[in-house]
Structure formats: structure tokens, C-alpha cells
PDB file of all heavy atoms in Angstrom:
ATOM      1  N   LYS A   1     134.310  55.217  58.381  1.00  0.00           N
ATOM      2  CA  LYS A   1     132.964  54.939  58.245  1.00  0.00           C
ATOM      3  C   LYS A   1     132.443  55.210  56.791  1.00  0.00           C
ATOM      4  O   LYS A   1     131.662  54.415  56.187  1.00  0.00           O
ATOM      5  CB  LYS A   1     132.104  55.787  59.224  1.00  0.00           C
ATOM      6  CG  LYS A   1     132.204  55.319  60.632  1.00  0.00           C
ATOM      7  CD  LYS A   1     131.621  53.923  60.740  1.00  0.00           C
ATOM      8  CE  LYS A   1     131.692  53.379  62.153  1.00  0.00           C
ATOM      9  NZ  LYS A   1     131.189  51.945  62.264  1.00  0.00           N
ATOM     10  N   ALA A   2     132.920  56.309  56.121  1.00  0.00           N
ATOM     11  CA  ALA A   2     132.547  56.575  54.772  1.00  0.00           C
ATOM     12  C   ALA A   2     133.074  55.466  53.853  1.00  0.00           C
ATOM     13  O   ALA A   2     132.395  55.043  52.890  1.00  0.00           O
ATOM     14  CB  ALA A   2     133.034  57.908  54.377  1.00  0.00           C
ATOM     15  N   ALA A   3     134.310  55.036  54.087  1.00  0.00           N
ATOM     16  CA  ALA A   3     134.887  54.013  53.296  1.00  0.00           C
ATOM     17  C   ALA A   3     134.127  52.659  53.464  1.00  0.00           C
ATOM     18  O   ALA A   3     133.933  51.885  52.510  1.00  0.00           O
ATOM     19  CB  ALA A   3     136.349  53.806  53.582  1.00  0.00           C
ATOM     20  N   GLU A   4     133.758  52.355  54.725  1.00  0.00           N
ATOM     21  CA  GLU A   4     132.915  51.208  54.936  1.00  0.00           C
ATOM     22  C   GLU A   4     131.631  51.196  54.186  1.00  0.00           C
ATOM     23  O   GLU A   4     131.218  50.186  53.540  1.00  0.00           O
ATOM     24  CB  GLU A   4     132.648  51.056  56.445  1.00  0.00           C
ATOM     25  CG  GLU A   4     131.870  49.840  56.841  1.00  0.00           C
ATOM     26  CD  GLU A   4     131.519  49.812  58.343  1.00  0.00           C
ATOM     27  OE1 GLU A   4     132.158  50.526  59.137  1.00  0.00           O
ATOM     28  OE2 GLU A   4     130.588  49.081  58.702  1.00  0.00           O
ATOM     29  N   ALA A   5     130.976  52.397  54.180  1.00  0.00           N
ATOM     30  CA  ALA A   5     129.716  52.473  53.418  1.00  0.00           C
ATOM     31  C   ALA A   5     130.009  52.311  51.893  1.00  0.00           C
ATOM     32  O   ALA A   5     129.203  51.728  51.177  1.00  0.00           O
ATOM     33  CB  ALA A   5     129.012  53.843  53.698  1.00  0.00           C
ATOM     34  N   LYS A   6     131.165  52.826  51.453  1.00  0.00           N
ATOM     35  CA  LYS A   6     131.507  52.698  50.024  1.00  0.00           C
ATOM     36  C   LYS A   6     131.779  51.215  49.675  1.00  0.00           C
ATOM     37  O   LYS A   6     131.365  50.783  48.561  1.00  0.00           O
ATOM     38  CB  LYS A   6     132.754  53.592  49.754  1.00  0.00           C
ATOM     39  CG  LYS A   6     133.114  53.671  48.326  1.00  0.00           C
ATOM     40  CD  LYS A   6     132.149  54.631  47.592  1.00  0.00           C
ATOM     41  CE  LYS A   6     132.527  54.886  46.143  1.00  0.00           C
ATOM     42  NZ  LYS A   6     131.546  55.628  45.362  1.00  0.00           N
ATOM     43  N   LEU A   7     132.348  50.515  50.609  1.00  0.00           N
ATOM     44  CA  LEU A   7     132.642  49.115  50.394  1.00  0.00           C
ATOM     45  C   LEU A   7     131.364  48.248  50.375  1.00  0.00           C
ATOM     46  O   LEU A   7     131.146  47.383  49.622  1.00  0.00           O
ATOM     47  CB  LEU A   7     133.639  48.603  51.421  1.00  0.00           C
ATOM     48  CG  LEU A   7     134.214  47.203  51.173  1.00  0.00           C
ATOM     49  CD1 LEU A   7     134.797  47.045  49.811  1.00  0.00           C
ATOM     50  CD2 LEU A   7     135.228  46.906  52.301  1.00  0.00           C
ATOM     51  N   ASP A   8     130.439  48.668  51.283  1.00  0.00           N
ATOM     52  CA  ASP A   8     129.098  48.053  51.267  1.00  0.00           C
ATOM     53  C   ASP A   8     128.420  48.284  49.874  1.00  0.00           C
ATOM     54  O   ASP A   8     127.835  47.302  49.320  1.00  0.00           O
ATOM     55  CB  ASP A   8     128.138  48.657  52.330  1.00  0.00           C
ATOM     56  CG  ASP A   8     128.525  48.272  53.757  1.00  0.00           C
ATOM     57  OD1 ASP A   8     129.248  47.283  53.898  1.00  0.00           O
ATOM     58  OD2 ASP A   8     128.146  49.032  54.689  1.00  0.00           O
ATOM     59  N   GLU A   9     128.600  49.432  49.340  1.00  0.00           N
ATOM     60  CA  GLU A   9     127.965  49.768  48.012  1.00  0.00           C
ATOM     61  C   GLU A   9     128.554  48.852  46.908  1.00  0.00           C
ATOM     62  O   GLU A   9     127.834  48.449  46.035  1.00  0.00           O
ATOM     63  CB  GLU A   9     128.264  51.233  47.717  1.00  0.00           C
ATOM     64  CG  GLU A   9     127.697  51.673  46.364  1.00  0.00           C
ATOM     65  CD  GLU A   9     128.213  53.028  45.922  1.00  0.00           C
ATOM     66  OE1 GLU A   9     128.925  53.731  46.772  1.00  0.00           O
ATOM     67  OE2 GLU A   9     127.893  53.424  44.767  1.00  0.00           O
ATOM     68  N   LEU A  10     129.824  48.576  46.998  1.00  0.00           N
ATOM     69  CA  LEU A  10     130.415  47.636  46.034  1.00  0.00           C
ATOM     70  C   LEU A  10     129.692  46.334  45.917  1.00  0.00           C
ATOM     71  O   LEU A  10     129.396  45.838  44.831  1.00  0.00           O
ATOM     72  CB  LEU A  10     131.904  47.391  46.370  1.00  0.00           C
ATOM     73  CG  LEU A  10     132.586  46.318  45.513  1.00  0.00           C
ATOM     74  CD1 LEU A  10     132.830  46.739  44.104  1.00  0.00           C
ATOM     75  CD2 LEU A  10     133.912  45.912  46.197  1.00  0.00           C
ATOM     76  N   PHE A  11     129.361  45.786  47.119  1.00  0.00           N
ATOM     77  CA  PHE A  11     128.726  44.500  47.099  1.00  0.00           C
ATOM     78  C   PHE A  11     127.201  44.546  46.851  1.00  0.00           C
ATOM     79  O   PHE A  11     126.550  43.464  46.683  1.00  0.00           O
ATOM     80  CB  PHE A  11     128.896  43.844  48.482  1.00  0.00           C
ATOM     81  CG  PHE A  11     130.333  43.283  48.697  1.00  0.00           C
ATOM     82  CD1 PHE A  11     131.225  44.020  49.438  1.00  0.00           C
ATOM     83  CD2 PHE A  11     130.731  42.114  48.158  1.00  0.00           C
ATOM     84  CE1 PHE A  11     132.512  43.539  49.627  1.00  0.00           C
ATOM     85  CE2 PHE A  11     131.986  41.615  48.330  1.00  0.00           C
ATOM     86  CZ  PHE A  11     132.929  42.384  49.066  1.00  0.00           C
ATOM     87  N   ARG A  12     126.694  45.795  46.843  1.00  0.00           N
ATOM     88  CA  ARG A  12     125.196  45.937  46.674  1.00  0.00           C
ATOM     89  C   ARG A  12     124.754  46.626  45.423  1.00  0.00           C
ATOM     90  O   ARG A  12     123.528  46.615  45.076  1.00  0.00           O
ATOM     91  CB  ARG A  12     124.640  46.663  47.906  1.00  0.00           C
ATOM     92  CG  ARG A  12     124.837  45.893  49.221  1.00  0.00           C
ATOM     93  CD  ARG A  12     124.533  46.775  50.433  1.00  0.00           C
ATOM     94  NE  ARG A  12     124.671  45.969  51.638  1.00  0.00           N
ATOM     95  CZ  ARG A  12     124.746  46.500  52.874  1.00  0.00           C
ATOM     96  NH1 ARG A  12     124.673  47.803  52.988  1.00  0.00           N
ATOM     97  NH2 ARG A  12     124.913  45.684  53.941  1.00  0.00           N
ATOM     98  N   GLU A  13     125.662  47.255  44.697  1.00  0.00           N
ATOM     99  CA  GLU A  13     125.316  48.060  43.523  1.00  0.00           C
ATOM    100  C   GLU A  13     124.704  47.164  42.456  1.00  0.00           C
ATOM    101  O   GLU A  13     125.257  46.125  42.070  1.00  0.00           O
ATOM    102  CB  GLU A  13     126.503  48.778  43.013  1.00  0.00           C
ATOM    103  CG  GLU A  13     126.251  49.648  41.768  1.00  0.00           C
ATOM    104  CD  GLU A  13     125.363  50.834  41.975  1.00  0.00           C
ATOM    105  OE1 GLU A  13     125.112  51.210  43.173  1.00  0.00           O
ATOM    106  OE2 GLU A  13     124.872  51.330  41.012  1.00  0.00           O
ATOM    107  N   ASP A  14     123.635  47.602  41.902  1.00  0.00           N
ATOM    108  CA  ASP A  14     122.950  46.842  40.856  1.00  0.00           C
ATOM    109  C   ASP A  14     123.801  46.629  39.594  1.00  0.00           C
ATOM    110  O   ASP A  14     124.585  47.475  39.239  1.00  0.00           O
ATOM    111  CB  ASP A  14     121.674  47.601  40.492  1.00  0.00           C
ATOM    112  CG  ASP A  14     120.840  46.707  39.531  1.00  0.00           C
ATOM    113  OD1 ASP A  14     120.955  46.796  38.322  1.00  0.00           O
ATOM    114  OD2 ASP A  14     119.940  46.003  40.072  1.00  0.00           O
ATOM    115  N   LEU A  15     123.656  45.466  39.016  1.00  0.00           N
ATOM    116  CA  LEU A  15     124.487  45.191  37.792  1.00  0.00           C
ATOM    117  C   LEU A  15     124.052  46.087  36.592  1.00  0.00           C
ATOM    118  O   LEU A  15     124.919  46.454  35.814  1.00  0.00           O
ATOM    119  CB  LEU A  15     124.291  43.712  37.377  1.00  0.00           C
ATOM    120  CG  LEU A  15     125.051  42.646  38.193  1.00  0.00           C
ATOM    121  CD1 LEU A  15     124.613  41.273  37.776  1.00  0.00           C
ATOM    122  CD2 LEU A  15     126.544  42.830  38.067  1.00  0.00           C
ATOM    123  N   GLY A  16     122.815  46.395  36.497  1.00  0.00           N
ATOM    124  CA  GLY A  16     122.361  46.971  35.243  1.00  0.00           C
ATOM    125  C   GLY A  16     122.285  48.509  35.248  1.00  0.00           C
ATOM    126  O   GLY A  16     122.381  49.143  34.197  1.00  0.00           O
ATOM    127  N   LYS A  17     122.125  49.146  36.429  1.00  0.00           N
ATOM    128  CA  LYS A  17     122.017  50.585  36.432  1.00  0.00           C
ATOM    129  C   LYS A  17     123.352  51.244  36.114  1.00  0.00           C
ATOM    130  O   LYS A  17     124.383  50.736  36.356  1.00  0.00           O
ATOM    131  CB  LYS A  17     121.515  51.032  37.852  1.00  0.00           C
ATOM    132  CG  LYS A  17     120.177  50.635  38.164  1.00  0.00           C
ATOM    133  CD  LYS A  17     119.750  51.099  39.588  1.00  0.00           C
ATOM    134  CE  LYS A  17     118.336  50.688  39.871  1.00  0.00           C
ATOM    135  NZ  LYS A  17     117.967  51.056  41.256  1.00  0.00           N
ATOM    136  N   SER A  18     123.276  52.461  35.462  1.00  0.00           N
ATOM    137  CA  SER A  18     124.421  53.182  35.084  1.00  0.00           C
ATOM    138  C   SER A  18     124.324  54.638  35.440  1.00  0.00           C
ATOM    139  O   SER A  18     123.217  55.209  35.289  1.00  0.00           O
ATOM    140  CB  SER A  18     124.642  52.974  33.542  1.00  0.00           C
ATOM    141  OG  SER A  18     125.693  53.895  33.124  1.00  0.00           O
ATOM    142  N   SER A  19     125.401  55.195  35.906  1.00  0.00           N
ATOM    143  CA  SER A  19     125.384  56.615  36.220  1.00  0.00           C
ATOM    144  C   SER A  19     125.463  57.537  35.086  1.00  0.00           C
ATOM    145  O   SER A  19     125.279  58.735  35.164  1.00  0.00           O
ATOM    146  CB  SER A  19     126.516  56.944  37.270  1.00  0.00           C
ATOM    147  OG  SER A  19     127.786  56.617  36.647  1.00  0.00           O
ATOM    148  N   VAL A  20     125.732  57.000  33.864  1.00  0.00           N
ATOM    149  CA  VAL A  20     125.951  57.824  32.677  1.00  0.00           C
ATOM    150  C   VAL A  20     124.886  57.576  31.676  1.00  0.00           C
ATOM    151  O   VAL A  20     124.294  58.439  31.045  1.00  0.00           O
ATOM    152  CB  VAL A  20     127.368  57.613  32.134  1.00  0.00           C
ATOM    153  CG1 VAL A  20     127.498  58.268  30.770  1.00  0.00           C
ATOM    154  CG2 VAL A  20     128.412  58.134  33.056  1.00  0.00           C
ATOM    155  N   ALA A  21     124.606  56.268  31.411  1.00  0.00           N
ATOM    156  CA  ALA A  21     123.631  55.897  30.406  1.00  0.00           C
ATOM    157  C   ALA A  21     122.225  56.429  30.691  1.00  0.00           C
ATOM    158  O   ALA A  21     121.862  56.531  31.915  1.00  0.00           O
ATOM    159  CB  ALA A  21     123.619  54.457  30.111  1.00  0.00           C
ATOM    160  N   ASP A  22     121.404  56.702  29.722  1.00  0.00           N
ATOM    161  CA  ASP A  22     120.079  57.206  29.946  1.00  0.00           C
ATOM    162  C   ASP A  22     119.073  56.017  30.144  1.00  0.00           C
ATOM    163  O   ASP A  22     117.854  56.258  30.068  1.00  0.00           O
ATOM    164  CB  ASP A  22     119.622  58.151  28.782  1.00  0.00           C
ATOM    165  CG  ASP A  22     119.675  57.393  27.410  1.00  0.00           C
ATOM    166  OD1 ASP A  22     120.046  56.210  27.354  1.00  0.00           O
ATOM    167  OD2 ASP A  22     119.417  58.079  26.391  1.00  0.00           O
ATOM    168  N   ARG A  23     119.561  54.869  30.358  1.00  0.00           N
ATOM    169  CA  ARG A  23     118.715  53.665  30.550  1.00  0.00           C
ATOM    170  C   ARG A  23     119.460  52.689  31.403  1.00  0.00           C
ATOM    171  O   ARG A  23     120.661  52.736  31.604  1.00  0.00           O
ATOM    172  CB  ARG A  23     118.354  53.063  29.180  1.00  0.00           C
ATOM    173  CG  ARG A  23     119.558  52.543  28.414  1.00  0.00           C
ATOM    174  CD  ARG A  23     119.245  51.931  27.150  1.00  0.00           C
ATOM    175  NE  ARG A  23     120.425  51.601  26.382  1.00  0.00           N
ATOM    176  CZ  ARG A  23     121.088  50.469  26.605  1.00  0.00           C
ATOM    177  NH1 ARG A  23     120.747  49.616  27.504  1.00  0.00           N
ATOM    178  NH2 ARG A  23     122.171  50.170  25.810  1.00  0.00           N
ATOM    179  N   GLU A  24     118.715  51.752  31.922  1.00  0.00           N
ATOM    180  CA  GLU A  24     119.383  50.641  32.659  1.00  0.00           C
ATOM    181  C   GLU A  24     119.968  49.651  31.663  1.00  0.00           C
ATOM    182  O   GLU A  24     119.285  49.247  30.683  1.00  0.00           O
ATOM    183  CB  GLU A  24     118.374  49.952  33.604  1.00  0.00           C
ATOM    184  CG  GLU A  24     117.990  50.764  34.738  1.00  0.00           C
ATOM    185  CD  GLU A  24     117.244  49.951  35.812  1.00  0.00           C
ATOM    186  OE1 GLU A  24     117.240  48.677  35.639  1.00  0.00           O
ATOM    187  OE2 GLU A  24     116.761  50.521  36.810  1.00  0.00           O
ATOM    188  N   ARG A  25     121.211  49.265  31.909  1.00  0.00           N
ATOM    189  CA  ARG A  25     121.821  48.264  30.982  1.00  0.00           C
ATOM    190  C   ARG A  25     121.602  46.852  31.584  1.00  0.00           C
ATOM    191  O   ARG A  25     121.438  46.737  32.837  1.00  0.00           O
ATOM    192  CB  ARG A  25     123.296  48.602  30.806  1.00  0.00           C
ATOM    193  CG  ARG A  25     123.551  49.951  30.163  1.00  0.00           C
ATOM    194  CD  ARG A  25     125.022  50.148  29.927  1.00  0.00           C
ATOM    195  NE  ARG A  25     125.221  51.393  29.220  1.00  0.00           N
ATOM    196  CZ  ARG A  25     126.427  51.862  28.817  1.00  0.00           C
ATOM    197  NH1 ARG A  25     127.536  51.090  29.073  1.00  0.00           N
ATOM    198  NH2 ARG A  25     126.592  53.008  28.281  1.00  0.00           N
ATOM    199  N   SER A  26     121.712  45.886  30.764  1.00  0.00           N
ATOM    200  CA  SER A  26     121.418  44.506  31.140  1.00  0.00           C
ATOM    201  C   SER A  26     122.685  43.817  31.616  1.00  0.00           C
ATOM    202  O   SER A  26     123.827  44.243  31.371  1.00  0.00           O
ATOM    203  CB  SER A  26     120.831  43.760  29.941  1.00  0.00           C
ATOM    204  OG  SER A  26     121.795  43.641  28.923  1.00  0.00           O
ATOM    205  N   LYS A  27     122.480  42.659  32.226  1.00  0.00           N
ATOM    206  CA  LYS A  27     123.605  41.814  32.595  1.00  0.00           C
ATOM    207  C   LYS A  27     124.351  41.382  31.300  1.00  0.00           C
ATOM    208  O   LYS A  27     125.589  41.339  31.397  1.00  0.00           O
ATOM    209  CB  LYS A  27     123.122  40.568  33.350  1.00  0.00           C
ATOM    210  CG  LYS A  27     122.621  40.857  34.761  1.00  0.00           C
ATOM    211  CD  LYS A  27     122.248  39.498  35.431  1.00  0.00           C
ATOM    212  CE  LYS A  27     121.751  39.678  36.825  1.00  0.00           C
ATOM    213  NZ  LYS A  27     121.380  38.393  37.438  1.00  0.00           N
ATOM    214  N   TYR A  28     123.619  41.150  30.301  1.00  0.00           N
ATOM    215  CA  TYR A  28     124.201  40.775  29.049  1.00  0.00           C
ATOM    216  C   TYR A  28     125.249  41.837  28.524  1.00  0.00           C
ATOM    217  O   TYR A  28     126.319  41.440  28.184  1.00  0.00           O
ATOM    218  CB  TYR A  28     123.133  40.580  27.947  1.00  0.00           C
ATOM    219  CG  TYR A  28     123.716  40.347  26.539  1.00  0.00           C
ATOM    220  CD1 TYR A  28     124.105  39.101  26.120  1.00  0.00           C
ATOM    221  CD2 TYR A  28     123.885  41.414  25.681  1.00  0.00           C
ATOM    222  CE1 TYR A  28     124.621  38.922  24.891  1.00  0.00           C
ATOM    223  CE2 TYR A  28     124.391  41.267  24.395  1.00  0.00           C
ATOM    224  CZ  TYR A  28     124.746  39.936  24.020  1.00  0.00           C
ATOM    225  OH  TYR A  28     125.291  39.793  22.727  1.00  0.00           O
ATOM    226  N   GLU A  29     124.890  43.073  28.622  1.00  0.00           N
ATOM    227  CA  GLU A  29     125.804  44.116  28.212  1.00  0.00           C
ATOM    228  C   GLU A  29     126.979  44.210  29.113  1.00  0.00           C
ATOM    229  O   GLU A  29     128.149  44.479  28.676  1.00  0.00           O
ATOM    230  CB  GLU A  29     125.031  45.431  28.185  1.00  0.00           C
ATOM    231  CG  GLU A  29     124.030  45.574  27.063  1.00  0.00           C
ATOM    232  CD  GLU A  29     123.235  46.844  27.174  1.00  0.00           C
ATOM    233  OE1 GLU A  29     122.319  46.891  27.998  1.00  0.00           O
ATOM    234  OE2 GLU A  29     123.484  47.820  26.398  1.00  0.00           O
ATOM    235  N   LEU A  30     126.786  44.042  30.445  1.00  0.00           N
ATOM    236  CA  LEU A  30     127.885  44.115  31.349  1.00  0.00           C
ATOM    237  C   LEU A  30     128.873  42.950  31.063  1.00  0.00           C
ATOM    238  O   LEU A  30     130.102  43.161  30.950  1.00  0.00           O
ATOM    239  CB  LEU A  30     127.445  43.999  32.796  1.00  0.00           C
ATOM    240  CG  LEU A  30     128.566  44.042  33.863  1.00  0.00           C
ATOM    241  CD1 LEU A  30     129.164  45.397  33.915  1.00  0.00           C
ATOM    242  CD2 LEU A  30     128.042  43.652  35.254  1.00  0.00           C
ATOM    243  N   PHE A  31     128.392  41.725  30.940  1.00  0.00           N
ATOM    244  CA  PHE A  31     129.247  40.633  30.710  1.00  0.00           C
ATOM    245  C   PHE A  31     129.891  40.650  29.363  1.00  0.00           C
ATOM    246  O   PHE A  31     130.999  40.051  29.140  1.00  0.00           O
ATOM    247  CB  PHE A  31     128.545  39.283  31.024  1.00  0.00           C
ATOM    248  CG  PHE A  31     128.119  39.156  32.468  1.00  0.00           C
ATOM    249  CD1 PHE A  31     126.852  38.564  32.763  1.00  0.00           C
ATOM    250  CD2 PHE A  31     128.972  39.500  33.467  1.00  0.00           C
ATOM    251  CE1 PHE A  31     126.496  38.436  34.089  1.00  0.00           C
ATOM    252  CE2 PHE A  31     128.619  39.344  34.796  1.00  0.00           C
ATOM    253  CZ  PHE A  31     127.347  38.846  35.134  1.00  0.00           C
ATOM    254  N   ALA A  32     129.192  41.208  28.331  1.00  0.00           N
ATOM    255  CA  ALA A  32     129.789  41.308  26.957  1.00  0.00           C
ATOM    256  C   ALA A  32     130.896  42.296  27.091  1.00  0.00           C
ATOM    257  O   ALA A  32     131.882  42.148  26.214  1.00  0.00           O
ATOM    258  CB  ALA A  32     128.700  41.793  26.019  1.00  0.00           C
ATOM    259  N   THR A  33     130.942  43.254  28.010  1.00  0.00           N
ATOM    260  CA  THR A  33     131.997  44.195  28.069  1.00  0.00           C
ATOM    261  C   THR A  33     133.062  43.726  29.034  1.00  0.00           C
ATOM    262  O   THR A  33     134.282  43.959  28.718  1.00  0.00           O
ATOM    263  CB  THR A  33     131.490  45.538  28.601  1.00  0.00           C
ATOM    264  OG1 THR A  33     130.388  46.046  27.736  1.00  0.00           O
ATOM    265  CG2 THR A  33     132.510  46.623  28.657  1.00  0.00           C
ATOM    266  N   PHE A  34     132.650  43.035  30.097  1.00  0.00           N
ATOM    267  CA  PHE A  34     133.626  42.516  31.091  1.00  0.00           C
ATOM    268  C   PHE A  34     133.541  41.038  31.262  1.00  0.00           C
ATOM    269  O   PHE A  34     133.027  40.585  32.269  1.00  0.00           O
ATOM    270  CB  PHE A  34     133.424  43.254  32.446  1.00  0.00           C
ATOM    271  CG  PHE A  34     133.759  44.781  32.326  1.00  0.00           C
ATOM    272  CD1 PHE A  34     132.803  45.662  32.172  1.00  0.00           C
ATOM    273  CD2 PHE A  34     135.080  45.149  32.569  1.00  0.00           C
ATOM    274  CE1 PHE A  34     133.086  47.024  32.128  1.00  0.00           C
ATOM    275  CE2 PHE A  34     135.351  46.534  32.538  1.00  0.00           C
ATOM    276  CZ  PHE A  34     134.388  47.492  32.331  1.00  0.00           C
ATOM    277  N   PRO A  35     133.956  40.225  30.271  1.00  0.00           N
ATOM    278  CA  PRO A  35     133.815  38.838  30.362  1.00  0.00           C
ATOM    279  C   PRO A  35     134.639  38.170  31.532  1.00  0.00           C
ATOM    280  O   PRO A  35     134.311  37.036  31.934  1.00  0.00           O
ATOM    281  CB  PRO A  35     134.262  38.278  29.044  1.00  0.00           C
ATOM    282  CG  PRO A  35     135.159  39.340  28.481  1.00  0.00           C
ATOM    283  CD  PRO A  35     134.528  40.668  29.009  1.00  0.00           C
ATOM    284  N   ASP A  36     135.605  38.884  31.992  1.00  0.00           N
ATOM    285  CA  ASP A  36     136.464  38.376  33.111  1.00  0.00           C
ATOM    286  C   ASP A  36     135.761  38.593  34.488  1.00  0.00           C
ATOM    287  O   ASP A  36     136.220  38.012  35.437  1.00  0.00           O
ATOM    288  CB  ASP A  36     137.844  39.004  33.157  1.00  0.00           C
ATOM    289  CG  ASP A  36     138.630  38.639  31.920  1.00  0.00           C
ATOM    290  OD1 ASP A  36     138.519  39.348  30.870  1.00  0.00           O
ATOM    291  OD2 ASP A  36     139.450  37.701  31.995  1.00  0.00           O
ATOM    292  N   SER A  37     134.752  39.416  34.484  1.00  0.00           N
ATOM    293  CA  SER A  37     134.046  39.765  35.747  1.00  0.00           C
ATOM    294  C   SER A  37     132.885  38.829  35.934  1.00  0.00           C
ATOM    295  O   SER A  37     131.820  39.108  35.499  1.00  0.00           O
ATOM    296  CB  SER A  37     133.634  41.229  35.760  1.00  0.00           C
ATOM    297  OG  SER A  37     134.677  42.087  35.756  1.00  0.00           O
ATOM    298  N   THR A  38     133.149  37.642  36.589  1.00  0.00           N
ATOM    299  CA  THR A  38     132.072  36.674  36.730  1.00  0.00           C
ATOM    300  C   THR A  38     131.821  36.466  38.189  1.00  0.00           C
ATOM    301  O   THR A  38     132.606  36.857  39.020  1.00  0.00           O
ATOM    302  CB  THR A  38     132.505  35.329  36.063  1.00  0.00           C
ATOM    303  OG1 THR A  38     133.814  35.040  36.517  1.00  0.00           O
ATOM    304  CG2 THR A  38     132.541  35.529  34.532  1.00  0.00           C
ATOM    305  N   SER A  39     130.751  35.714  38.497  1.00  0.00           N
ATOM    306  CA  SER A  39     130.335  35.436  39.839  1.00  0.00           C
ATOM    307  C   SER A  39     130.239  36.725  40.676  1.00  0.00           C
ATOM    308  O   SER A  39     130.940  36.961  41.663  1.00  0.00           O
ATOM    309  CB  SER A  39     131.283  34.477  40.526  1.00  0.00           C
ATOM    310  OG  SER A  39     131.355  33.218  39.880  1.00  0.00           O
ATOM    311  N   MET A  40     129.336  37.571  40.171  1.00  0.00           N
ATOM    312  CA  MET A  40     129.217  38.955  40.693  1.00  0.00           C
ATOM    313  C   MET A  40     128.340  38.932  41.982  1.00  0.00           C
ATOM    314  O   MET A  40     127.275  38.225  42.112  1.00  0.00           O
ATOM    315  CB  MET A  40     128.580  39.832  39.714  1.00  0.00           C
ATOM    316  CG  MET A  40     129.326  39.895  38.331  1.00  0.00           C
ATOM    317  SD  MET A  40     130.893  40.785  38.432  1.00  0.00           S
ATOM    318  CE  MET A  40     130.349  42.414  38.612  1.00  0.00           C
ATOM    319  N   VAL A  41     128.726  39.759  42.938  1.00  0.00           N
ATOM    320  CA  VAL A  41     127.953  40.171  44.094  1.00  0.00           C
ATOM    321  C   VAL A  41     127.821  41.659  44.005  1.00  0.00           C
ATOM    322  O   VAL A  41     128.781  42.289  44.386  1.00  0.00           O
ATOM    323  CB  VAL A  41     128.551  39.705  45.417  1.00  0.00           C
ATOM    324  CG1 VAL A  41     127.662  40.097  46.609  1.00  0.00           C
ATOM    325  CG2 VAL A  41     128.768  38.221  45.442  1.00  0.00           C
ATOM    326  N   GLY A  42     126.761  42.210  43.502  1.00  0.00           N
ATOM    327  CA  GLY A  42     126.681  43.664  43.210  1.00  0.00           C
ATOM    328  C   GLY A  42     127.701  43.907  42.097  1.00  0.00           C
ATOM    329  O   GLY A  42     127.607  43.269  41.045  1.00  0.00           O
TER     330      GLY A  42
END
């Protein structure tokens, strides 16, 4: 059940929020860092 909730989180986690940065990062920053990660769902 905990793993299922964790997997749900993968598909729902916001693109811009960060657990470390002191601000929300943009899609631009994410894709500039991970250009191979396209067609995102969460």
C-alpha cells in the first residue's frame, strides 16, 4: 500500500516544486537539466 501511494506520487508530483530549493523551479529549468525527460506526467 505504501509503495502504491509512492507510485501514485510519481505520476502526480508537480514539475516545478523542489524539496531542496528555496523556490519553485520552472518547467524550463527541469527540461534544461533533463532534456531526455519528455512527455511528463507528474
